[in-house]
Protein backbone atom coordinates (compact mmCIF):
# COMPACT_ATOMS: atom_id res chain seq x y z
CA MET A 1 19.35 9.55 0.25
CA PRO A 2 16.75 7.70 -1.84
CA SER A 3 13.11 8.74 -1.96
CA ILE A 4 10.08 6.76 -2.99
CA TYR A 5 10.47 8.18 -6.50
CA ASP A 6 13.61 6.10 -6.99
CA PHE A 7 11.58 2.87 -6.97
CA GLU A 8 9.58 1.02 -9.57
CA ALA A 9 6.83 -1.54 -9.10
CA GLU A 10 4.97 -3.82 -11.48
CA SER A 11 1.24 -3.37 -11.97
CA ILE A 12 -1.01 -6.34 -11.35
CA ASN A 13 -1.28 -6.74 -15.14
CA GLY A 14 2.50 -6.80 -15.59
CA GLN A 15 3.29 -3.22 -16.64
CA PRO A 16 6.19 -1.28 -15.10
CA VAL A 17 5.09 1.50 -12.74
CA PRO A 18 7.82 4.04 -11.94
CA LEU A 19 6.76 5.62 -8.66
CA ALA A 20 8.22 8.91 -9.95
CA GLN A 21 4.94 9.26 -11.88
CA TYR A 22 3.29 10.05 -8.53
CA GLN A 23 5.65 12.91 -7.69
CA GLY A 24 3.81 15.70 -5.88
CA LYS A 25 1.02 13.36 -4.77
CA VAL A 26 0.33 11.79 -1.39
CA MET A 27 0.59 8.00 -1.42
CA LEU A 28 -0.94 5.37 0.81
CA ILE A 29 0.90 2.07 0.30
CA VAL A 30 -0.68 -1.10 1.67
CA ASN A 31 0.27 -4.78 1.59
CA THR A 32 -2.99 -6.58 0.90
CA ALA A 33 -4.44 -10.10 0.98
CA SER A 34 -7.65 -11.56 -0.40
CA ALA A 35 -8.44 -14.04 2.40
CA CYS A 36 -7.55 -12.18 5.59
CA GLY A 37 -9.68 -10.96 8.47
CA PHE A 38 -8.67 -7.45 7.38
CA THR A 39 -9.66 -8.01 3.71
CA PRO A 40 -12.86 -5.92 4.16
CA GLN A 41 -10.47 -2.93 4.49
CA PHE A 42 -10.42 -2.94 0.68
CA ALA A 43 -13.79 -1.13 0.91
CA GLY A 44 -12.33 1.56 3.18
CA LEU A 45 -9.24 1.93 1.01
CA GLU A 46 -11.45 2.37 -2.05
CA LYS A 47 -13.47 5.01 -0.16
CA LEU A 48 -10.25 6.92 0.62
CA HIS A 49 -9.33 6.63 -3.07
CA GLN A 50 -12.72 8.01 -4.11
CA ASP A 51 -12.80 10.78 -1.49
CA TYR A 52 -9.20 11.99 -1.67
CA GLY A 53 -8.00 10.85 -5.10
CA PRO A 54 -9.27 14.01 -6.82
CA GLN A 55 -7.22 16.04 -4.28
CA GLY A 56 -4.02 14.11 -5.00
CA LEU A 57 -4.07 10.85 -2.99
CA VAL A 58 -2.86 7.67 -4.67
CA VAL A 59 -3.66 4.37 -2.92
CA LEU A 60 -1.34 1.54 -4.02
CA GLY A 61 -2.14 -2.06 -3.09
CA PHE A 62 0.61 -4.67 -3.00
CA PRO A 63 -0.75 -8.22 -2.65
CA CYS A 64 1.43 -10.43 -0.46
CA ASN A 65 1.15 -14.13 0.41
CA GLN A 66 3.66 -14.11 3.30
CA PHE A 67 1.13 -14.06 6.14
CA GLY A 68 -0.83 -17.26 6.61
CA SER A 69 -0.83 -17.88 2.82
CA GLN A 70 -3.84 -15.55 2.60
CA ASP A 71 -3.28 -14.45 -1.00
CA PRO A 72 -2.25 -17.61 -2.89
CA GLY A 73 -3.89 -16.68 -6.22
CA ALA A 74 -2.26 -15.45 -9.38
CA ASN A 75 -2.24 -11.71 -10.11
CA ASP A 76 -5.23 -11.95 -12.47
CA GLU A 77 -7.27 -13.80 -9.82
CA ILE A 78 -6.36 -11.20 -7.19
CA ALA A 79 -7.32 -8.34 -9.54
CA SER A 80 -10.67 -9.95 -10.30
CA PHE A 81 -11.36 -10.63 -6.60
CA CYS A 82 -10.63 -7.01 -5.63
CA GLN A 83 -12.78 -5.58 -8.43
CA VAL A 84 -15.74 -7.95 -8.05
CA ASN A 85 -15.94 -7.96 -4.24
CA TYR A 86 -14.84 -4.43 -3.35
CA GLY A 87 -15.02 -2.37 -6.55
CA VAL A 88 -11.32 -1.60 -6.22
CA ASP A 89 -10.38 1.10 -8.71
CA PHE A 90 -7.10 2.20 -7.13
CA PRO A 91 -3.87 0.79 -8.61
CA MET A 92 -3.05 -2.75 -7.58
CA MET A 93 0.49 -4.00 -8.07
CA ALA A 94 1.84 -7.48 -8.76
CA LYS A 95 2.19 -9.80 -5.79
CA ILE A 96 5.42 -9.26 -3.84
CA ASP A 97 7.22 -10.25 -0.66
CA VAL A 98 7.41 -7.52 1.99
CA ASN A 99 9.75 -9.30 4.43
CA GLY A 100 12.92 -11.34 4.22
CA ALA A 101 15.70 -11.67 1.69
CA GLY A 102 13.26 -11.48 -1.23
CA ALA A 103 11.43 -8.38 0.01
CA HIS A 104 10.68 -5.87 -2.74
CA PRO A 105 13.21 -2.98 -2.63
CA LEU A 106 10.35 -0.52 -2.02
CA TYR A 107 9.37 -2.39 1.14
CA GLN A 108 12.99 -2.63 2.26
CA TRP A 109 13.08 1.16 2.03
CA LEU A 110 9.63 1.75 3.60
CA THR A 111 10.38 -0.42 6.63
CA ALA A 112 13.75 1.30 7.14
CA GLU A 113 12.09 4.74 6.93
CA ALA A 114 9.20 3.98 9.31
CA ARG A 115 9.73 1.25 11.84
CA GLY A 116 6.91 -0.59 13.54
CA LEU A 117 6.18 -1.39 17.16
CA LEU A 118 9.28 -1.45 19.37
CA GLY A 119 11.44 -0.33 16.45
CA SER A 120 10.82 -3.44 14.37
CA LYS A 121 11.42 -3.16 10.64
CA ALA A 122 9.43 -6.29 9.76
CA ILE A 123 5.88 -6.09 8.48
CA LYS A 124 3.81 -8.01 11.02
CA TRP A 125 0.69 -8.79 8.95
CA ASN A 126 -1.47 -7.93 5.97
CA PHE A 127 -2.80 -4.38 5.60
CA THR A 128 0.13 -2.56 7.17
CA LYS A 129 -0.07 0.95 5.70
CA PHE A 130 2.49 3.65 4.91
CA LEU A 131 1.52 7.27 4.28
CA VAL A 132 4.00 9.08 2.03
CA GLY A 133 3.96 12.86 1.62
CA LYS A 134 4.17 14.95 -1.54
CA ASP A 135 7.93 15.19 -0.95
CA GLY A 136 8.38 11.43 -1.30
CA ARG A 137 9.15 10.87 2.38
CA VAL A 138 7.31 8.51 4.72
CA ILE A 139 5.04 10.41 7.11
CA LYS A 140 3.70 7.51 9.17
CA ARG A 141 3.32 3.74 9.39
CA TYR A 142 -0.03 2.28 10.46
CA ALA A 143 -0.84 -1.11 11.96
CA PRO A 144 -3.04 -3.65 10.15
CA GLN A 145 -5.90 -3.05 12.59
CA ASP A 146 -5.95 0.70 11.83
CA ALA A 147 -9.08 1.12 9.75
CA PRO A 148 -8.63 3.16 6.56
CA ALA A 149 -11.21 5.72 7.74
CA SER A 150 -9.02 6.46 10.79
CA LEU A 151 -6.28 7.72 8.44
CA ALA A 152 -8.48 10.44 6.86
CA LYS A 153 -7.26 13.24 9.15
CA ASP A 154 -3.58 12.44 8.43
CA ILE A 155 -4.30 12.15 4.69
CA ALA A 156 -6.07 15.51 4.65
CA ALA A 157 -3.15 17.11 6.50
CA ALA A 158 -0.64 15.60 4.05
CA LEU A 159 -2.67 16.85 1.09
CA ALA A 160 -2.81 20.35 2.60
CA ALA A 161 0.95 20.44 3.26
């Protein structure tokens, strides 16, 4: 049975990121977009990173252009946008697909582990969030409209576990 630690991503600047490096930490994984109605959630995600990072939370952003073409830029443009507009300091990964035949293997696993509304595996929109515990297992999936601040109680519980 695979865990999140069996996957690797690519950082937004092209470096390999084995997720095993986050073993023993709580992860919040989010598919992001730079031109979405939910884009201001970057500020809330950064606040979670600042507030809970020292206790062991890792926020990982995965830009995706599959929903309304709301993140068409290159990785360097996305990185600059996130830093300049929201002060994003948490790790941002290279742009990926989260649905369909070309979906990143991590997202294939995440959506199988925590289904959405009515049992759907598909990611419905930007800023769908997955909370992963210290054991590498998915704790919960959150809808795009769930504000980052509303996850604080679950994050604190996962960190205390």
